[in-house]
Protein backbone atom coordinates (compact mmCIF):
# COMPACT_ATOMS: atom_id res chain seq x y z
CA MET A 1 -127.45 -27.31 56.79
CA THR A 2 -125.77 -30.30 57.47
CA ILE A 3 -125.11 -32.16 60.48
CA ASN A 4 -121.60 -31.51 60.54
CA GLU A 5 -122.11 -27.87 60.10
CA VAL A 6 -124.46 -27.80 62.91
CA GLN A 7 -122.22 -29.46 65.06
CA ASP A 8 -119.33 -27.22 64.01
CA GLU A 9 -121.35 -24.47 64.88
CA ILE A 10 -122.05 -26.02 68.34
CA ILE A 11 -118.63 -26.35 69.21
CA GLU A 12 -117.66 -22.82 68.40
CA GLU A 13 -120.56 -21.70 70.71
CA PHE A 14 -119.19 -23.72 73.58
CA SER A 15 -115.51 -22.94 72.67
CA GLU A 16 -116.80 -19.21 73.82
CA ILE A 17 -117.75 -20.34 77.24
CA ASP A 18 -114.99 -21.23 79.32
CA ASP A 19 -116.51 -22.22 82.69
CA TRP A 20 -118.45 -25.67 83.28
CA MET A 21 -121.11 -23.94 85.19
CA ASP A 22 -121.76 -21.65 82.58
CA ARG A 23 -121.89 -24.25 79.58
CA TYR A 24 -124.54 -26.27 81.91
CA GLY A 25 -126.55 -22.82 82.39
CA TYR A 26 -126.45 -22.45 78.27
CA ILE A 27 -127.58 -26.22 78.38
CA ILE A 28 -130.41 -25.34 80.53
CA ASP A 29 -131.28 -22.63 78.48
CA LEU A 30 -131.52 -24.81 75.24
CA GLY A 31 -133.87 -26.98 77.07
CA ASN A 32 -135.88 -24.21 78.32
CA GLN A 33 -136.12 -23.10 74.60
CA LEU A 34 -137.62 -26.73 73.42
CA PRO A 35 -140.96 -26.36 72.13
CA PRO A 36 -143.17 -28.62 74.18
CA ILE A 37 -144.16 -31.81 73.44
CA ASP A 38 -147.78 -32.87 72.87
CA GLU A 39 -149.11 -34.43 76.09
CA LYS A 40 -150.10 -37.69 73.71
CA PHE A 41 -146.39 -38.79 73.70
CA LYS A 42 -145.61 -38.50 77.37
CA THR A 43 -146.36 -42.13 77.60
CA PRO A 44 -144.34 -45.33 77.93
CA GLN A 45 -143.98 -46.03 74.41
CA TYR A 46 -142.00 -42.89 73.77
CA LEU A 47 -140.35 -43.48 77.15
CA ILE A 48 -136.56 -43.79 76.70
CA GLU A 49 -135.01 -46.76 78.25
CA GLY A 50 -131.62 -46.33 80.11
CA CYS A 51 -132.31 -42.86 81.19
CA GLN A 52 -132.27 -42.20 84.77
CA SER A 53 -134.52 -39.34 84.29
CA ARG A 54 -137.83 -39.52 82.18
CA VAL A 55 -137.08 -38.56 78.67
CA TRP A 56 -139.81 -38.77 75.78
CA ILE A 57 -138.61 -38.62 72.04
CA ASN A 58 -141.20 -38.78 69.29
CA ALA A 59 -140.28 -38.44 65.69
CA GLU A 60 -142.10 -38.23 62.29
CA GLN A 61 -140.93 -38.01 58.91
CA GLY A 62 -142.36 -35.07 56.89
CA ALA A 63 -143.25 -35.13 52.78
CA ASP A 64 -139.69 -34.08 52.38
CA GLY A 65 -138.61 -36.89 53.67
CA LYS A 66 -136.73 -35.22 56.51
CA VAL A 67 -137.05 -36.34 60.17
CA ARG A 68 -138.64 -34.29 62.85
CA PHE A 69 -137.68 -34.73 66.20
CA GLU A 70 -139.80 -33.67 69.26
CA ALA A 71 -138.74 -34.56 72.83
CA ASP A 72 -139.42 -33.47 76.53
CA SER A 73 -137.61 -34.55 79.84
CA ASP A 74 -138.50 -34.23 83.69
CA ALA A 75 -134.77 -33.06 83.95
CA ILE A 76 -133.67 -29.80 83.39
CA ILE A 77 -129.97 -30.58 82.18
CA VAL A 78 -131.53 -33.70 80.28
CA LYS A 79 -133.87 -31.86 78.39
CA GLY A 80 -130.94 -29.35 77.43
CA ILE A 81 -129.00 -32.19 76.25
CA ILE A 82 -132.11 -33.80 74.02
CA ALA A 83 -132.24 -30.10 72.52
CA LEU A 84 -128.79 -30.13 71.64
CA LEU A 85 -129.43 -33.60 69.88
CA ILE A 86 -132.54 -32.29 68.23
CA LYS A 87 -130.44 -29.16 66.91
CA VAL A 88 -128.02 -31.56 65.27
CA LEU A 89 -130.50 -34.14 63.94
CA ASN A 90 -133.66 -32.43 63.35
CA ASN A 91 -134.69 -32.04 59.69
CA GLN A 92 -132.06 -34.30 58.16
CA SER A 93 -132.85 -37.27 56.06
CA PRO A 94 -132.72 -40.79 57.84
CA THR A 95 -129.61 -41.69 55.85
CA ASP A 96 -127.68 -38.70 57.19
CA ILE A 97 -129.01 -39.08 60.70
CA LEU A 98 -127.88 -43.15 60.64
CA ASN A 99 -124.48 -41.99 59.18
CA ALA A 100 -123.86 -39.20 61.67
CA ASP A 101 -120.80 -39.12 63.78
CA LEU A 102 -121.98 -37.13 66.54
CA TYR A 103 -118.49 -35.86 67.05
CA PHE A 104 -119.77 -32.69 69.13
CA ILE A 105 -120.49 -34.46 72.16
CA ASP A 106 -116.75 -35.35 72.81
CA ARG A 107 -115.50 -31.81 71.32
CA ILE A 108 -117.65 -29.70 73.85
CA GLY A 109 -116.56 -32.00 76.56
CA LEU A 110 -119.96 -33.09 77.37
CA SER A 111 -119.15 -36.72 78.05
CA GLU A 112 -116.65 -35.88 80.04
CA HIS A 113 -118.80 -33.73 82.58
CA LEU A 114 -121.71 -36.51 82.33
CA SER A 115 -122.17 -38.68 85.27
CA PRO A 116 -122.14 -42.76 84.26
CA THR A 117 -125.87 -42.75 84.32
CA ARG A 118 -126.48 -39.45 82.24
CA SER A 119 -123.85 -40.82 79.95
CA ASN A 120 -125.79 -43.85 79.47
CA GLY A 121 -129.00 -41.85 79.04
CA LEU A 122 -127.12 -39.80 76.44
CA LEU A 123 -126.49 -43.01 74.67
CA ALA A 124 -129.95 -44.19 75.01
CA MET A 125 -131.42 -40.83 73.30
CA VAL A 126 -129.08 -41.32 70.26
CA LYS A 127 -129.93 -44.89 69.93
CA GLN A 128 -133.57 -44.14 69.85
CA MET A 129 -133.19 -41.32 67.35
CA LYS A 130 -131.27 -43.68 65.37
CA ALA A 131 -133.99 -46.22 65.58
CA TYR A 132 -136.54 -43.68 64.29
CA ALA A 133 -134.41 -42.85 61.30
CA LEU A 134 -133.85 -46.58 60.60
CA ALA A 135 -137.46 -46.95 60.60
CA PHE A 136 -138.17 -44.37 58.39
CA SER A 137 -135.40 -45.25 55.87
CA THR A 138 -136.84 -48.90 55.99
CA LEU A 139 -140.27 -47.42 55.36
CA SER A 140 -139.32 -45.41 52.06
CA LYS A 141 -137.59 -48.12 50.38
């Protein structure tokens, strides 16, 4: 699936959930489904700056050129948010990740339901994921 197809699927899923408490519950469920990150990546090197909670993100590029992300957070909502980002950006090419317009964040109303510190954290997570993609795109040239 393309990044936009995954985003459209997420928008559709959220459109079926009216109440924001239920949407938070769904986000928490997504975080709980996130595979655990290897403990060796829970170090300051992988910690995202700008997040109020602790968030670790690692990325690797497969032989197929696609980027694979793994992440964890000590905050349940934030873990769900990173799970959403991984759902959208995982197994995509570095170029597609760099060019992605992550419109689903606004369309599902996430940005307007986050505190300013969580919004800053969301931006920091996206920035880090795109930084990994940039590094991989530079390496493959």
